Amino acid sequence: MADYITWLRAQTGPRPLLLVYAAAAIFNDAGEVLLQHRSDFAWAGLPGGLLERGENLSECVVREVYEETGLHVEVERLEGVFSHPDYTLTYPHGDVVQPWTVCFTCRIAGGMLRPDGHETTDLKFYPPAEALTYMPPQHRAMLRYALDRAPWPVLEPPVYAPPDRREHILKLRESVGAACVIFPGVTAAVRDGRGRVLATLRRDFGTWDMPGGWCELGETATAAVIRETRE
């Protein structure tokens, strides 16, 4: 069976898609951060990759790091979701992606550093200030937040989808039908002054749930949770 992205692009072509990734900030004992020099872009970034069907995000980052670097890692902490539309990428073959990336700080648990020779052309630990000069905007944002060691995951500012990018999941369904797809969503835990949690009765399943829904192309995760709760 083809990997998820090969199958998905066979249905959709190169048009803009929201895709879910996991990335790892990996530091050595000297406080340097590991960068992956890529074969497809003229920049270096944090190792990571696309979520596959049947795995969760922490499994994804562990698998991707091993495939790309040869290192076995363990997840230490969640840095946040980095989903700003300014991070949109056009791959050399023409595919357009708004990456919806969950970043983790990970520690090395074993293995030997080696490029995979496919996606990765070189691997090197850099002082953070130097590493930032090689990185695209999304990876710079992830590294800066990891360096800050904030006590909570990042909340990017709300940016709402323009009208021509809305109902992305419905348009995707026109291409893939009822097949299993990976798509980012959000849920809101809304409490009142008495500590009660807001619940909504769903039409489709007949169950009580917290408000939430799908993210739209062109918006951040914070905008999605505000919009979905309002709707």
Foldseek 3Di string as FASTA:
>chain_A
DDWDVVVLCVLVPQDEDEFEKEFEFEADPVRFTKWFCFPFDRFIFTFITGDTPPDDRQVRHQVRCCLAFFFGKHFDDWQAWQQALVCWDQTPVGHIYRYTYTYTYIYTDDGDTDGNVHGGDDMDTDNLVVNLVRDDDSRNVSVVSVVVPDPDHDDDDKWDADPVFPPVVVVSCVRVPPDDDDFDKDFDFDADPVRDTDWDQDPPPRDIDGFMTGDTNNIHRNNRHVVRNVD
